[in-house]
Amino acid sequence: MASGREGVPFTALIEALLMIIFLEIIKESSIRTPTSIGMAVTVVSGLVLNQTAVQAGLVGPIMVIAIAASGISEFIFSALKEMIVLYRFVILLLGGTLGLFGVICGIIIIIVHLISIRSFGVPYMYPLAPYDKEGMKDFIIRYPISKMNYLPRNISNKEERERNE
């Protein structure tokens, strides 16, 4: 890993910031061009810019792989693109300035933000926060319906909570 960074004139933080900015520019340019040309522009510009930057010694090959994996993983949740980009910059800046402590603080900030979000009056992280034992039965692995006797707390009041009555 250290040999891949030999000759790179920038710190890892500056190198990653530049690569992310170039990645965002390439993605925006592919969105703005017609569909038949947009795919070719993205592939060619990504390959040419990355190869040229590595050969010129401006970035290391490991950083290219890390930023490419980060950019590809952004497409998993395409509806949350803006927040993913924002969180990527926040974590990168905190990690670059404060190290592992900064990354941990950034993750805590993200978790606190997710817990504070409410969607249509329902907590975004329900049933994890606030914790609901009955809600956890339908969270990752669904219990059989015959064993789910209670409605979730966030959609029922105490009188109608019991399903079997």
C-alpha atoms as a PDB file:
ATOM      1  CA  MET A   1       0.000   0.000   0.000  1.00  0.00           C
ATOM      2  CA  ALA A   2       2.772   2.422   0.879  1.00  0.00           C
ATOM      3  CA  SER A   3       4.540   1.739  -2.415  1.00  0.00           C
ATOM      4  CA  GLY A   4       1.378   2.781  -4.282  1.00  0.00           C
ATOM      5  CA  ARG A   5       1.548   6.215  -2.620  1.00  0.00           C
ATOM      6  CA  GLU A   6       5.191   6.835  -3.537  1.00  0.00           C
ATOM      7  CA  GLY A   7       5.605   9.947  -5.616  1.00  0.00           C
ATOM      8  CA  VAL A   8       2.085  11.262  -4.952  1.00  0.00           C
ATOM      9  CA  PRO A   9       2.447  14.977  -4.156  1.00  0.00           C
ATOM     10  CA  PHE A  10      -0.793  15.264  -2.165  1.00  0.00           C
ATOM     11  CA  THR A  11      -1.888  13.996   1.218  1.00  0.00           C
ATOM     12  CA  ALA A  12      -4.445  11.198   1.221  1.00  0.00           C
ATOM     13  CA  LEU A  13      -7.182  13.659   2.226  1.00  0.00           C
ATOM     14  CA  ILE A  14      -6.512  16.050  -0.673  1.00  0.00           C
ATOM     15  CA  GLU A  15      -6.110  13.131  -3.068  1.00  0.00           C
ATOM     16  CA  ALA A  16      -9.452  11.626  -2.029  1.00  0.00           C
ATOM     17  CA  LEU A  17     -11.235  14.999  -2.187  1.00  0.00           C
ATOM     18  CA  LEU A  18      -9.930  15.636  -5.712  1.00  0.00           C
ATOM     19  CA  MET A  19     -10.914  12.147  -6.859  1.00  0.00           C
ATOM     20  CA  ILE A  20     -14.429  12.471  -5.405  1.00  0.00           C
ATOM     21  CA  ILE A  21     -14.890  15.878  -7.028  1.00  0.00           C
ATOM     22  CA  PHE A  22     -13.783  14.480 -10.410  1.00  0.00           C
ATOM     23  CA  LEU A  23     -16.094  11.492  -9.930  1.00  0.00           C
ATOM     24  CA  GLU A  24     -19.045  13.793  -9.227  1.00  0.00           C
ATOM     25  CA  ILE A  25     -18.202  15.915 -12.294  1.00  0.00           C
ATOM     26  CA  ILE A  26     -18.110  12.802 -14.486  1.00  0.00           C
ATOM     27  CA  LYS A  27     -21.446  11.570 -13.093  1.00  0.00           C
ATOM     28  CA  GLU A  28     -23.096  14.961 -13.625  1.00  0.00           C
ATOM     29  CA  SER A  29     -21.758  15.211 -17.172  1.00  0.00           C
ATOM     30  CA  SER A  30     -23.121  11.765 -17.997  1.00  0.00           C
ATOM     31  CA  ILE A  31     -26.543  12.790 -16.674  1.00  0.00           C
ATOM     32  CA  ARG A  32     -26.587  15.986 -18.741  1.00  0.00           C
ATOM     33  CA  THR A  33     -25.593  14.375 -22.055  1.00  0.00           C
ATOM     34  CA  PRO A  34     -27.972  12.367 -24.275  1.00  0.00           C
ATOM     35  CA  THR A  35     -28.390   8.744 -23.212  1.00  0.00           C
ATOM     36  CA  SER A  36     -26.611   7.231 -26.213  1.00  0.00           C
ATOM     37  CA  ILE A  37     -23.519   9.364 -25.650  1.00  0.00           C
ATOM     38  CA  GLY A  38     -23.713   9.642 -21.855  1.00  0.00           C
ATOM     39  CA  MET A  39     -22.654   6.058 -21.171  1.00  0.00           C
ATOM     40  CA  ALA A  40     -19.679   6.298 -23.515  1.00  0.00           C
ATOM     41  CA  VAL A  41     -18.624   9.651 -22.022  1.00  0.00           C
ATOM     42  CA  THR A  42     -18.718   8.196 -18.523  1.00  0.00           C
ATOM     43  CA  VAL A  43     -16.702   5.088 -19.345  1.00  0.00           C
ATOM     44  CA  VAL A  44     -14.104   6.802 -21.524  1.00  0.00           C
ATOM     45  CA  SER A  45     -13.621   9.807 -19.262  1.00  0.00           C
ATOM     46  CA  GLY A  46     -13.396   7.620 -16.167  1.00  0.00           C
ATOM     47  CA  LEU A  47     -10.824   5.292 -17.707  1.00  0.00           C
ATOM     48  CA  VAL A  48      -8.760   8.020 -19.359  1.00  0.00           C
ATOM     49  CA  LEU A  49      -8.724  10.382 -16.370  1.00  0.00           C
ATOM     50  CA  ASN A  50      -7.922   7.667 -13.843  1.00  0.00           C
ATOM     51  CA  GLN A  51      -5.206   6.058 -15.960  1.00  0.00           C
ATOM     52  CA  THR A  52      -3.630   9.422 -16.751  1.00  0.00           C
ATOM     53  CA  ALA A  53      -3.752  10.543 -13.116  1.00  0.00           C
ATOM     54  CA  VAL A  54      -2.092   7.326 -11.917  1.00  0.00           C
ATOM     55  CA  GLN A  55       0.607   7.448 -14.629  1.00  0.00           C
ATOM     56  CA  ALA A  56       1.320  11.112 -13.878  1.00  0.00           C
ATOM     57  CA  GLY A  57       1.719  10.268 -10.198  1.00  0.00           C
ATOM     58  CA  LEU A  58      -1.077  12.583  -9.064  1.00  0.00           C
ATOM     59  CA  VAL A  59      -3.047   9.800  -7.358  1.00  0.00           C
ATOM     60  CA  GLY A  60      -2.258   6.308  -6.193  1.00  0.00           C
ATOM     61  CA  PRO A  61      -3.883   3.209  -7.698  1.00  0.00           C
ATOM     62  CA  ILE A  62      -5.330   2.181  -4.321  1.00  0.00           C
ATOM     63  CA  MET A  63      -7.133   5.534  -4.030  1.00  0.00           C
ATOM     64  CA  VAL A  64      -8.616   5.077  -7.517  1.00  0.00           C
ATOM     65  CA  ILE A  65      -9.997   1.683  -6.505  1.00  0.00           C
ATOM     66  CA  ALA A  66     -11.377   3.002  -3.197  1.00  0.00           C
ATOM     67  CA  ILE A  67     -13.094   6.008  -4.792  1.00  0.00           C
ATOM     68  CA  ALA A  68     -14.458   3.877  -7.652  1.00  0.00           C
ATOM     69  CA  ALA A  69     -15.949   1.405  -5.161  1.00  0.00           C
ATOM     70  CA  SER A  70     -17.422   4.319  -3.229  1.00  0.00           C
ATOM     71  CA  GLY A  71     -18.934   5.783  -6.400  1.00  0.00           C
ATOM     72  CA  ILE A  72     -20.405   2.478  -7.538  1.00  0.00           C
ATOM     73  CA  SER A  73     -21.917   1.782  -4.121  1.00  0.00           C
ATOM     74  CA  GLU A  74     -23.731   5.124  -4.353  1.00  0.00           C
ATOM     75  CA  PHE A  75     -26.004   3.637  -7.026  1.00  0.00           C
ATOM     76  CA  ILE A  76     -27.455   1.119  -4.547  1.00  0.00           C
ATOM     77  CA  PHE A  77     -29.606   3.840  -2.991  1.00  0.00           C
ATOM     78  CA  SER A  78     -29.979   6.217  -5.913  1.00  0.00           C
ATOM     79  CA  ALA A  79     -32.907   8.038  -4.287  1.00  0.00           C
ATOM     80  CA  LEU A  80     -30.604   9.088  -1.434  1.00  0.00           C
ATOM     81  CA  LYS A  81     -27.797  10.339  -3.697  1.00  0.00           C
ATOM     82  CA  GLU A  82     -27.475  13.820  -2.203  1.00  0.00           C
ATOM     83  CA  MET A  83     -27.272  12.592   1.386  1.00  0.00           C
ATOM     84  CA  ILE A  84     -24.756   9.894   0.452  1.00  0.00           C
ATOM     85  CA  VAL A  85     -22.503  12.483  -1.211  1.00  0.00           C
ATOM     86  CA  LEU A  86     -22.854  14.822   1.768  1.00  0.00           C
ATOM     87  CA  TYR A  87     -22.113  12.081   4.296  1.00  0.00           C
ATOM     88  CA  ARG A  88     -19.143  10.916   2.197  1.00  0.00           C
ATOM     89  CA  PHE A  89     -17.590  14.388   2.391  1.00  0.00           C
ATOM     90  CA  VAL A  90     -18.322  14.715   6.124  1.00  0.00           C
ATOM     91  CA  ILE A  91     -16.786  11.324   6.965  1.00  0.00           C
ATOM     92  CA  LEU A  92     -13.802  12.020   4.698  1.00  0.00           C
ATOM     93  CA  LEU A  93     -13.100  15.419   6.254  1.00  0.00           C
ATOM     94  CA  LEU A  94     -13.538  14.132   9.810  1.00  0.00           C
ATOM     95  CA  GLY A  95     -11.372  11.094   9.098  1.00  0.00           C
ATOM     96  CA  GLY A  96      -8.710  13.160   7.349  1.00  0.00           C
ATOM     97  CA  THR A  97      -8.446  15.671  10.157  1.00  0.00           C
ATOM     98  CA  LEU A  98      -9.118  13.583  13.285  1.00  0.00           C
ATOM     99  CA  GLY A  99      -8.267  10.064  12.090  1.00  0.00           C
ATOM    100  CA  LEU A 100     -10.190   7.063  13.392  1.00  0.00           C
ATOM    101  CA  PHE A 101     -11.717   9.198  16.140  1.00  0.00           C
ATOM    102  CA  GLY A 102     -13.179  11.466  13.439  1.00  0.00           C
ATOM    103  CA  VAL A 103     -14.646   8.524  11.533  1.00  0.00           C
ATOM    104  CA  ILE A 104     -16.274   7.198  14.704  1.00  0.00           C
ATOM    105  CA  CYS A 105     -17.643  10.670  15.516  1.00  0.00           C
ATOM    106  CA  GLY A 106     -18.986  10.941  11.960  1.00  0.00           C
ATOM    107  CA  ILE A 107     -20.748   7.594  12.229  1.00  0.00           C
ATOM    108  CA  ILE A 108     -22.267   8.659  15.558  1.00  0.00           C
ATOM    109  CA  ILE A 109     -23.472  11.907  13.951  1.00  0.00           C
ATOM    110  CA  ILE A 110     -25.096   9.934  11.125  1.00  0.00           C
ATOM    111  CA  ILE A 111     -26.797   7.540  13.554  1.00  0.00           C
ATOM    112  CA  VAL A 112     -28.114  10.426  15.674  1.00  0.00           C
ATOM    113  CA  HIS A 113     -29.422  12.121  12.533  1.00  0.00           C
ATOM    114  CA  LEU A 114     -31.182   8.940  11.357  1.00  0.00           C
ATOM    115  CA  ILE A 115     -32.759   8.451  14.780  1.00  0.00           C
ATOM    116  CA  SER A 116     -34.074  12.032  14.804  1.00  0.00           C
ATOM    117  CA  ILE A 117     -35.823  11.752  11.408  1.00  0.00           C
ATOM    118  CA  ARG A 118     -39.585  11.200  11.390  1.00  0.00           C
ATOM    119  CA  SER A 119     -41.456  10.144   8.260  1.00  0.00           C
ATOM    120  CA  PHE A 120     -45.207  10.816   8.362  1.00  0.00           C
ATOM    121  CA  GLY A 121     -45.005  10.944  12.155  1.00  0.00           C
ATOM    122  CA  VAL A 122     -43.247   7.570  12.407  1.00  0.00           C
ATOM    123  CA  PRO A 123     -39.617   7.386  13.582  1.00  0.00           C
ATOM    124  CA  TYR A 124     -37.342   6.524  10.642  1.00  0.00           C
ATOM    125  CA  MET A 125     -35.406   3.884  12.590  1.00  0.00           C
ATOM    126  CA  TYR A 126     -38.495   2.226  14.101  1.00  0.00           C
ATOM    127  CA  PRO A 127     -38.470  -0.433  15.698  1.00  0.00           C
ATOM    128  CA  LEU A 128     -34.776  -0.033  16.568  1.00  0.00           C
ATOM    129  CA  ALA A 129     -35.160   3.484  17.960  1.00  0.00           C
ATOM    130  CA  PRO A 130     -37.423   3.711  19.866  1.00  0.00           C
ATOM    131  CA  TYR A 131     -37.041   0.023  20.605  1.00  0.00           C
ATOM    132  CA  ASP A 132     -40.218  -2.021  20.302  1.00  0.00           C
ATOM    133  CA  LYS A 133     -40.082  -5.750  21.063  1.00  0.00           C
ATOM    134  CA  GLU A 134     -43.281  -6.457  19.126  1.00  0.00           C
ATOM    135  CA  GLY A 135     -42.093  -4.409  16.166  1.00  0.00           C
ATOM    136  CA  MET A 136     -38.842  -6.378  15.994  1.00  0.00           C
ATOM    137  CA  LYS A 137     -40.865  -9.468  15.087  1.00  0.00           C
ATOM    138  CA  ASP A 138     -41.500  -7.882  11.700  1.00  0.00           C
ATOM    139  CA  PHE A 139     -38.148  -6.162  11.200  1.00  0.00           C
ATOM    140  CA  ILE A 140     -35.570  -8.412   9.509  1.00  0.00           C
ATOM    141  CA  ILE A 141     -37.155 -11.861   9.565  1.00  0.00           C
ATOM    142  CA  ARG A 142     -40.924 -11.941   9.644  1.00  0.00           C
ATOM    143  CA  TYR A 143     -42.600 -13.965  12.373  1.00  0.00           C
ATOM    144  CA  PRO A 144     -45.561 -16.127  11.394  1.00  0.00           C
ATOM    145  CA  ILE A 145     -48.700 -13.982  11.362  1.00  0.00           C
ATOM    146  CA  SER A 146     -50.393 -16.328  13.833  1.00  0.00           C
ATOM    147  CA  LYS A 147     -47.737 -15.429  16.457  1.00  0.00           C
ATOM    148  CA  MET A 148     -47.922 -11.672  15.858  1.00  0.00           C
ATOM    149  CA  ASN A 149     -50.718 -10.792  18.280  1.00  0.00           C
ATOM    150  CA  TYR A 150     -50.102  -7.067  18.670  1.00  0.00           C
ATOM    151  CA  LEU A 151     -50.186  -4.120  16.307  1.00  0.00           C
ATOM    152  CA  PRO A 152     -47.053  -1.958  16.247  1.00  0.00           C
ATOM    153  CA  ARG A 153     -47.045   0.838  18.843  1.00  0.00           C
ATOM    154  CA  ASN A 154     -46.666   3.590  16.284  1.00  0.00           C
ATOM    155  CA  ILE A 155     -49.948   2.840  14.455  1.00  0.00           C
ATOM    156  CA  SER A 156     -52.266   1.873  17.280  1.00  0.00           C
ATOM    157  CA  ASN A 157     -53.552   3.121  20.576  1.00  0.00           C
ATOM    158  CA  LYS A 158     -53.842   1.029  23.740  1.00  0.00           C
ATOM    159  CA  GLU A 159     -57.470   0.063  23.150  1.00  0.00           C
ATOM    160  CA  GLU A 160     -56.936  -1.428  19.696  1.00  0.00           C
ATOM    161  CA  ARG A 161     -53.469  -2.865  20.314  1.00  0.00           C
ATOM    162  CA  GLU A 162     -54.693  -6.399  20.947  1.00  0.00           C
ATOM    163  CA  ARG A 163     -55.527  -8.067  17.614  1.00  0.00           C
ATOM    164  CA  ASN A 164     -57.229 -11.161  18.940  1.00  0.00           C
ATOM    165  CA  GLU A 165     -59.945  -9.409  20.944  1.00  0.00           C
END
